[in-house]
Amino acid sequence: MEKIKVLHITQFLHYGGMERLIVNLAKEMDRSKFDISVCLLEPFRDTYFERELKRLGVPLYSLNSKNIPNPLIFFRLLSLLKRLRPHILHTHLKAVRYSFLPRLFAGIPVHIHTMHALARIDTKKTKDRFINRLIFRYGNVKIVSVSKEVARSVKAVYGVDSEVIYNGVEVDEFSNNLKRKSDFVHILNIASFKKEKNISLLIDAFSEAIMQERKIKLFLVGNGPQRSLLEQQIEKKGIRELVTLLGWRSDIPEIFANCDILALSSDSEGLGMVLIEAMAAGRPIIATRVGGIPEIVEDGASGILVTPGDSHAFAEAILKLARDENLREEMGRKGREKAEKEFNMKIVALKYERLYEKLVLDNEPN
């Protein structure tokens, strides 16, 4: 039987849940049944995820478009599709708008698009939403949402239904990181330094918490447009010696091994892959009750959920977990159990395999 050829198309492979999903699918899917390849709209940047795909032997292509939108994308992608002849086009983020017409001209029968964020956040411009609405309603595109909340947002914004497949992680990668001993409790945040992640709130909450509990430290993994503002905030609060900015890191299991609590203070979140990673690592979570987060983190069981924008409540949650090692271990254990049962990447890959096979079979000519 011929292998099903799947081509993932995305704008870039920087750092985030979308990138990790593509790499994890390439790693876990049955290579005897599927051929996976990946195409970037932008030039190669030698990122960790690009290197990881190459290490896995996954063909990686670039349309080398330094400016988007760019009309050359249409011709370059059409040429690539005619050469590769994939059975399935699987798009992510804004790649759906640039891939749709080349896919039609190339006669690719199946188009899947994964929605990684709430629809109103994923696409903010009115013009782009209008194009998406046309594609999703009339273009025979199968939408996969990474959470039920994302699916609800797709229905509200575009008026179409979508299938929910949660993201997953390689749970076994975190198996050796279940205990840590130190005089300080280490709090970890992994996120892009951008407005919707509201890391400023976490810094405010941490600053309030250390007024009552000095033996805590904060580690920020990430980078982005708000970095200088966050650095200024840290200096102004006088907590420079207790906050470490680590930049983007690829050794996420090792980072979790050296921390005790994950804190995510987002104002908006489609799912939050880092939450699943924290659970796999056996770490309790403090997070805002937004987007798909309550679907992942069970308040009072695997973590503590607080109202978005409430830095005092966030500080209280930090103090509660920082002062109670037994509670941290119990929440971490429950999170680990849930990650193994519900968010193991092997299960996620199998769901995508079944979806691919069904859609290819449904689109075979009679």
Protein backbone atom coordinates (compact mmCIF):
# COMPACT_ATOMS: atom_id res chain seq x y z
CA MET A 1 0.00 0.00 0.00
CA GLU A 2 1.29 3.45 -0.94
CA LYS A 3 2.42 5.63 1.93
CA ILE A 4 0.35 8.72 2.69
CA LYS A 5 2.47 11.78 1.98
CA VAL A 6 1.88 14.69 4.36
CA LEU A 7 3.35 18.15 3.87
CA HIS A 8 3.23 20.52 6.85
CA ILE A 9 3.37 24.19 5.91
CA THR A 10 4.08 26.95 8.39
CA GLN A 11 5.56 30.41 8.37
CA PHE A 12 8.59 29.52 10.49
CA LEU A 13 9.97 27.11 13.07
CA HIS A 14 10.95 29.31 15.98
CA TYR A 15 10.01 28.26 19.53
CA GLY A 16 6.50 27.35 20.65
CA GLY A 17 3.73 24.81 20.84
CA MET A 18 3.04 24.84 17.11
CA GLU A 19 6.63 24.02 16.27
CA ARG A 20 6.80 21.31 18.91
CA LEU A 21 3.62 19.69 17.58
CA ILE A 22 5.06 19.43 14.06
CA VAL A 23 8.32 17.92 15.32
CA ASN A 24 6.56 15.52 17.68
CA LEU A 25 4.22 14.32 14.94
CA ALA A 26 7.18 13.72 12.65
CA LYS A 27 8.87 11.77 15.44
CA GLU A 28 5.91 9.65 16.52
CA MET A 29 3.93 8.88 13.35
CA ASP A 30 4.28 5.45 11.78
CA ARG A 31 6.95 5.85 9.08
CA SER A 32 5.82 2.65 7.39
CA LYS A 33 2.48 4.34 6.62
CA PHE A 34 3.33 8.04 6.37
CA ASP A 35 5.94 10.20 4.69
CA ILE A 36 6.24 13.53 6.51
CA SER A 37 7.86 16.66 5.13
CA VAL A 38 7.81 20.31 6.21
CA CYS A 39 7.83 23.57 4.25
CA LEU A 40 8.53 27.05 5.64
CA LEU A 41 7.28 30.25 4.04
CA GLU A 42 10.23 32.18 5.46
CA PRO A 43 13.98 31.49 5.02
CA PHE A 44 15.75 28.92 7.17
CA ARG A 45 17.11 30.31 10.45
CA ASP A 46 18.94 27.24 11.79
CA THR A 47 16.61 27.02 14.79
CA TYR A 48 16.49 24.10 17.21
CA PHE A 49 13.34 22.71 15.59
CA GLU A 50 14.82 22.95 12.09
CA ARG A 51 17.86 21.02 13.29
CA GLU A 52 15.66 18.47 15.05
CA LEU A 53 13.66 17.75 11.88
CA LYS A 54 16.87 17.30 9.91
CA ARG A 55 18.16 14.95 12.61
CA LEU A 56 14.97 12.90 12.23
CA GLY A 57 15.53 12.71 8.48
CA VAL A 58 12.42 14.76 7.68
CA PRO A 59 12.70 16.63 4.35
CA LEU A 60 12.63 20.38 5.06
CA TYR A 61 11.90 23.01 2.41
CA SER A 62 11.83 26.80 2.40
CA LEU A 63 10.01 29.20 0.06
CA ASN A 64 12.62 31.75 1.16
CA SER A 65 10.14 34.62 1.42
CA LYS A 66 11.68 37.40 3.50
CA ASN A 67 8.56 39.55 3.18
CA ILE A 68 4.98 38.35 3.74
CA PRO A 69 2.70 38.76 1.88
CA ASN A 70 4.71 37.99 -1.21
CA PRO A 71 3.13 36.95 -4.55
CA LEU A 72 6.14 34.71 -5.26
CA ILE A 73 4.91 32.37 -2.52
CA PHE A 74 2.10 31.21 -4.81
CA PHE A 75 4.43 30.18 -7.64
CA ARG A 76 7.12 28.68 -5.42
CA LEU A 77 4.64 26.63 -3.43
CA LEU A 78 2.74 25.52 -6.53
CA SER A 79 6.01 24.29 -8.03
CA LEU A 80 6.86 22.40 -4.82
CA LEU A 81 3.41 20.80 -4.60
CA LYS A 82 3.56 19.62 -8.20
CA ARG A 83 6.96 18.09 -7.51
CA LEU A 84 6.12 16.41 -4.18
CA ARG A 85 2.48 15.52 -4.91
CA PRO A 86 1.45 15.13 -1.24
CA HIS A 87 -1.86 13.50 -0.40
CA ILE A 88 -2.38 15.91 2.49
CA LEU A 89 -1.53 19.55 3.04
CA HIS A 90 -1.40 20.34 6.77
CA THR A 91 -1.15 24.07 7.46
CA HIS A 92 -0.46 26.07 10.62
CA LEU A 93 -0.98 29.74 11.54
CA LYS A 94 -1.18 32.17 8.59
CA ALA A 95 0.15 29.55 6.14
CA VAL A 96 -3.46 28.55 5.47
CA ARG A 97 -4.07 31.74 3.47
CA TYR A 98 -0.94 31.36 1.35
CA SER A 99 -1.35 27.64 0.72
CA PHE A 100 -5.00 27.45 -0.27
CA LEU A 101 -4.80 28.58 -3.91
CA PRO A 102 -1.58 26.68 -4.74
CA ARG A 103 -3.21 23.59 -3.26
CA LEU A 104 -6.26 24.01 -5.53
CA PHE A 105 -4.14 24.57 -8.64
CA ALA A 106 -1.98 21.54 -7.78
CA GLY A 107 -5.04 19.36 -7.19
CA ILE A 108 -4.12 18.30 -3.64
CA PRO A 109 -7.29 16.58 -2.35
CA VAL A 110 -6.95 17.00 1.43
CA HIS A 111 -6.24 20.17 3.39
CA ILE A 112 -6.04 20.16 7.21
CA HIS A 113 -5.48 23.29 9.24
CA THR A 114 -4.61 23.22 12.95
CA MET A 115 -5.82 26.19 15.01
CA HIS A 116 -3.29 26.75 17.78
CA ALA A 117 -4.86 29.84 19.34
CA LEU A 118 -8.27 31.36 19.93
CA ALA A 119 -9.63 32.54 16.58
CA ARG A 120 -9.83 36.19 17.59
CA ILE A 121 -6.16 36.09 18.64
CA ASP A 122 -4.90 33.85 15.84
CA THR A 123 -6.12 36.26 13.15
CA LYS A 124 -6.65 39.88 14.19
CA LYS A 125 -6.95 41.77 10.89
CA THR A 126 -10.45 42.07 9.42
CA LYS A 127 -9.20 41.34 5.90
CA ASP A 128 -7.41 38.18 6.96
CA ARG A 129 -10.43 36.96 8.92
CA PHE A 130 -12.59 37.49 5.85
CA ILE A 131 -10.20 35.39 3.74
CA ASN A 132 -10.10 32.70 6.42
CA ARG A 133 -13.88 32.65 6.59
CA LEU A 134 -14.14 32.02 2.84
CA ILE A 135 -11.50 29.28 3.00
CA PHE A 136 -13.00 27.53 6.02
CA ARG A 137 -16.60 27.72 4.82
CA TYR A 138 -16.19 26.93 1.13
CA GLY A 139 -12.68 25.54 0.65
CA ASN A 140 -13.11 21.97 1.91
CA VAL A 141 -10.58 22.50 4.71
CA LYS A 142 -10.67 20.27 7.78
CA ILE A 143 -10.01 22.33 10.90
CA VAL A 144 -8.42 20.78 13.98
CA SER A 145 -8.55 22.82 17.21
CA VAL A 146 -6.06 22.19 20.01
CA SER A 147 -8.72 22.65 22.71
CA LYS A 148 -12.48 22.81 23.14
CA GLU A 149 -12.21 26.53 23.86
CA VAL A 150 -10.36 27.06 20.58
CA ALA A 151 -13.08 25.06 18.80
CA ARG A 152 -15.74 27.30 20.36
CA SER A 153 -13.87 30.37 19.17
CA VAL A 154 -13.63 28.95 15.62
CA LYS A 155 -17.37 28.41 15.63
CA ALA A 156 -18.02 31.93 16.94
CA VAL A 157 -15.69 33.73 14.52
CA TYR A 158 -16.03 31.62 11.37
CA GLY A 159 -19.30 29.77 11.87
CA VAL A 160 -17.77 26.34 11.25
CA ASP A 161 -17.19 23.26 13.38
CA SER A 162 -13.76 21.79 14.06
CA GLU A 163 -12.39 18.58 15.50
CA VAL A 164 -10.56 18.78 18.82
CA ILE A 165 -7.19 17.04 19.17
CA TYR A 166 -5.18 18.19 22.16
CA ASN A 167 -1.46 18.68 21.77
CA GLY A 168 0.83 16.19 23.46
CA VAL A 169 4.39 15.77 24.66
CA GLU A 170 6.97 13.02 24.77
CA VAL A 171 6.15 12.11 28.36
CA ASP A 172 9.12 9.74 28.66
CA GLU A 173 11.52 12.66 28.09
CA PHE A 174 10.49 14.02 31.48
CA SER A 175 10.58 10.71 33.38
CA ASN A 176 13.76 11.39 35.35
CA ASN A 177 12.76 14.85 36.56
CA LEU A 178 10.29 14.07 39.30
CA LYS A 179 12.17 15.34 42.38
CA ARG A 180 14.38 18.32 43.22
CA LYS A 181 15.95 19.46 46.47
CA SER A 182 17.12 23.01 47.21
CA ASP A 183 16.91 25.70 49.87
CA PHE A 184 15.08 27.90 47.34
CA VAL A 185 11.82 27.16 45.57
CA HIS A 186 12.31 27.83 41.86
CA ILE A 187 9.39 29.20 39.87
CA LEU A 188 9.52 28.80 36.09
CA ASN A 189 7.82 30.64 33.26
CA ILE A 190 8.25 29.59 29.61
CA ALA A 191 6.64 31.96 27.11
CA SER A 192 7.23 34.50 24.38
CA PHE A 193 7.76 37.96 25.82
CA LYS A 194 4.68 39.48 24.24
CA LYS A 195 1.63 41.31 25.52
CA GLU A 196 -0.88 38.45 25.67
CA LYS A 197 1.49 36.37 27.86
CA ASN A 198 1.35 39.15 30.52
CA ILE A 199 4.64 38.24 32.14
CA SER A 200 4.49 41.66 33.77
CA LEU A 201 1.72 40.34 36.01
CA LEU A 202 3.89 37.40 37.06
CA ILE A 203 6.73 39.77 37.97
CA ASP A 204 4.31 41.88 40.04
CA ALA A 205 3.00 38.76 41.79
CA PHE A 206 6.50 37.43 42.44
CA SER A 207 7.57 40.81 43.83
CA GLU A 208 4.60 40.75 46.21
CA ALA A 209 5.26 37.16 47.26
CA ILE A 210 8.91 37.70 48.21
CA MET A 211 7.85 40.33 50.72
CA GLN A 212 6.57 37.39 52.77
CA GLU A 213 8.73 34.52 51.53
CA ARG A 214 12.35 35.28 50.62
CA LYS A 215 13.38 31.75 49.61
CA ILE A 216 11.89 31.81 46.12
CA LYS A 217 13.47 32.58 42.77
CA LEU A 218 11.96 33.22 39.34
CA PHE A 219 13.32 31.90 36.04
CA LEU A 220 12.02 33.27 32.73
CA VAL A 221 12.63 31.19 29.61
CA GLY A 222 11.85 33.00 26.37
CA ASN A 223 12.35 36.21 24.46
CA GLY A 224 10.34 38.70 22.49
CA PRO A 225 9.33 42.33 21.93
CA GLN A 226 8.64 43.10 25.61
CA ARG A 227 12.01 41.95 26.92
CA SER A 228 13.37 45.46 27.60
CA LEU A 229 10.15 46.49 29.36
CA LEU A 230 10.28 43.41 31.57
CA GLU A 231 13.93 44.02 32.40
CA GLN A 232 13.07 47.60 33.39
CA GLN A 233 10.22 46.32 35.57
CA ILE A 234 12.54 43.84 37.30
CA GLU A 235 15.10 46.58 38.01
CA LYS A 236 12.41 48.95 39.28
CA LYS A 237 11.07 46.30 41.66
CA GLY A 238 14.58 45.73 43.01
CA ILE A 239 14.44 41.96 42.47
CA ARG A 240 17.26 41.56 39.95
CA GLU A 241 19.18 39.07 42.10
CA LEU A 242 16.10 36.80 42.34
CA VAL A 243 15.03 36.78 38.68
CA THR A 244 17.00 35.03 35.92
CA LEU A 245 16.28 35.50 32.22
CA LEU A 246 17.48 32.40 30.39
CA GLY A 247 16.47 33.26 26.81
CA TRP A 248 15.11 30.54 24.56
CA ARG A 249 16.24 27.07 25.56
CA SER A 250 15.94 23.69 23.86
CA ASP A 251 16.72 21.60 26.97
CA ILE A 252 13.21 21.93 28.40
CA PRO A 253 13.21 18.64 30.40
CA GLU A 254 16.43 19.74 32.11
CA ILE A 255 14.95 23.18 32.83
CA PHE A 256 11.96 21.55 34.53
CA ALA A 257 14.30 19.27 36.49
CA ASN A 258 15.76 22.37 38.14
CA CYS A 259 12.47 24.08 38.94
CA ASP A 260 9.59 23.38 41.32
CA ILE A 261 6.55 25.27 39.99
CA LEU A 262 5.40 26.39 36.55
CA ALA A 263 3.70 29.79 36.47
CA LEU A 264 1.77 30.96 33.41
CA SER A 265 0.13 34.39 33.65
CA SER A 266 -1.35 34.67 30.14
CA ASP A 267 -4.33 36.86 29.26
CA SER A 268 -5.08 34.51 26.35
CA GLU A 269 -4.04 30.92 25.65
CA GLY A 270 -5.32 28.43 23.09
CA LEU A 271 -3.94 25.49 25.02
CA GLY A 272 -0.48 26.07 26.46
CA MET A 273 1.88 23.25 25.51
CA VAL A 274 4.14 24.20 28.40
CA LEU A 275 1.37 23.22 30.82
CA ILE A 276 1.43 19.67 29.50
CA GLU A 277 5.23 19.64 29.71
CA ALA A 278 5.02 20.74 33.35
CA MET A 279 2.55 17.96 34.13
CA ALA A 280 4.76 15.40 32.38
CA ALA A 281 7.65 16.63 34.54
CA GLY A 282 5.56 16.21 37.68
CA ARG A 283 5.48 19.92 38.44
CA PRO A 284 2.48 21.78 39.90
CA ILE A 285 1.09 24.72 37.96
CA ILE A 286 -0.13 28.22 38.74
CA ALA A 287 -2.00 29.66 35.76
CA THR A 288 -4.70 32.09 34.78
CA ARG A 289 -8.16 30.72 34.07
CA VAL A 290 -8.24 31.62 30.34
CA GLY A 291 -8.71 29.87 26.99
CA GLY A 292 -8.03 26.15 27.03
CA ILE A 293 -6.07 26.18 30.31
CA PRO A 294 -8.95 24.87 32.50
CA GLU A 295 -9.22 21.90 30.13
CA ILE A 296 -5.62 20.97 30.94
CA VAL A 297 -5.11 22.03 34.56
CA GLU A 298 -7.61 20.82 37.14
CA ASP A 299 -7.87 23.55 39.76
CA GLY A 300 -6.92 22.19 43.16
CA ALA A 301 -5.68 18.89 41.74
CA SER A 302 -2.76 19.46 39.34
CA GLY A 303 -2.46 23.18 39.99
CA ILE A 304 -4.04 26.45 41.05
CA LEU A 305 -6.04 28.60 38.62
CA VAL A 306 -6.51 32.31 39.27
CA THR A 307 -8.53 35.09 37.69
CA PRO A 308 -6.63 36.74 34.80
CA GLY A 309 -5.17 40.11 35.69
CA ASP A 310 -5.25 39.48 39.47
CA SER A 311 -1.62 39.76 40.59
CA HIS A 312 -2.54 39.49 44.29
CA ALA A 313 -4.32 36.16 43.76
CA PHE A 314 -1.32 34.99 41.75
CA ALA A 315 1.01 35.99 44.59
CA GLU A 316 -1.15 34.10 47.10
CA ALA A 317 -0.96 30.99 44.91
CA ILE A 318 2.84 31.32 44.73
CA LEU A 319 3.05 31.53 48.51
CA LYS A 320 0.72 28.58 49.03
CA LEU A 321 2.77 26.25 46.84
CA ALA A 322 6.17 27.63 47.85
CA ARG A 323 5.45 26.91 51.50
CA ASP A 324 4.01 23.42 51.09
CA GLU A 325 6.34 20.81 49.61
CA ASN A 326 3.82 18.02 50.15
CA LEU A 327 1.18 19.92 48.19
CA ARG A 328 3.65 20.50 45.36
CA GLU A 329 4.47 16.81 45.21
CA GLU A 330 0.81 15.75 45.33
CA MET A 331 -0.23 18.17 42.56
CA GLY A 332 2.78 17.16 40.51
CA ARG A 333 1.90 13.48 40.84
CA LYS A 334 -1.69 14.04 39.73
CA GLY A 335 -0.53 16.14 36.80
CA ARG A 336 1.94 13.47 35.76
CA GLU A 337 -0.78 10.81 35.82
CA LYS A 338 -3.06 12.95 33.66
CA ALA A 339 -0.27 13.70 31.18
CA GLU A 340 0.46 9.99 30.77
CA LYS A 341 -3.19 9.12 30.17
CA GLU A 342 -4.43 12.05 28.10
CA PHE A 343 -1.54 14.05 26.63
CA ASN A 344 1.01 11.45 25.67
CA MET A 345 2.29 12.25 22.18
CA LYS A 346 1.89 8.63 21.13
CA ILE A 347 -1.88 9.00 21.63
CA VAL A 348 -1.97 12.35 19.82
CA ALA A 349 -0.01 10.99 16.85
CA LEU A 350 -2.38 8.04 16.58
CA LYS A 351 -5.38 10.41 16.45
CA TYR A 352 -3.77 12.37 13.61
CA GLU A 353 -2.91 9.13 11.80
CA ARG A 354 -6.54 8.03 11.92
CA LEU A 355 -7.70 11.45 10.75
CA TYR A 356 -5.24 11.44 7.84
CA GLU A 357 -6.31 7.95 6.77
CA LYS A 358 -10.01 8.79 6.97
CA LEU A 359 -9.69 12.00 4.96
CA VAL A 360 -7.57 10.35 2.26
CA LEU A 361 -10.06 7.49 2.00
CA ASP A 362 -13.02 9.90 1.84
CA ASN A 363 -11.38 11.84 -0.98
CA GLU A 364 -10.40 8.89 -3.14
CA PRO A 365 -12.09 8.95 -6.58
CA ASN A 366 -14.98 6.50 -6.98
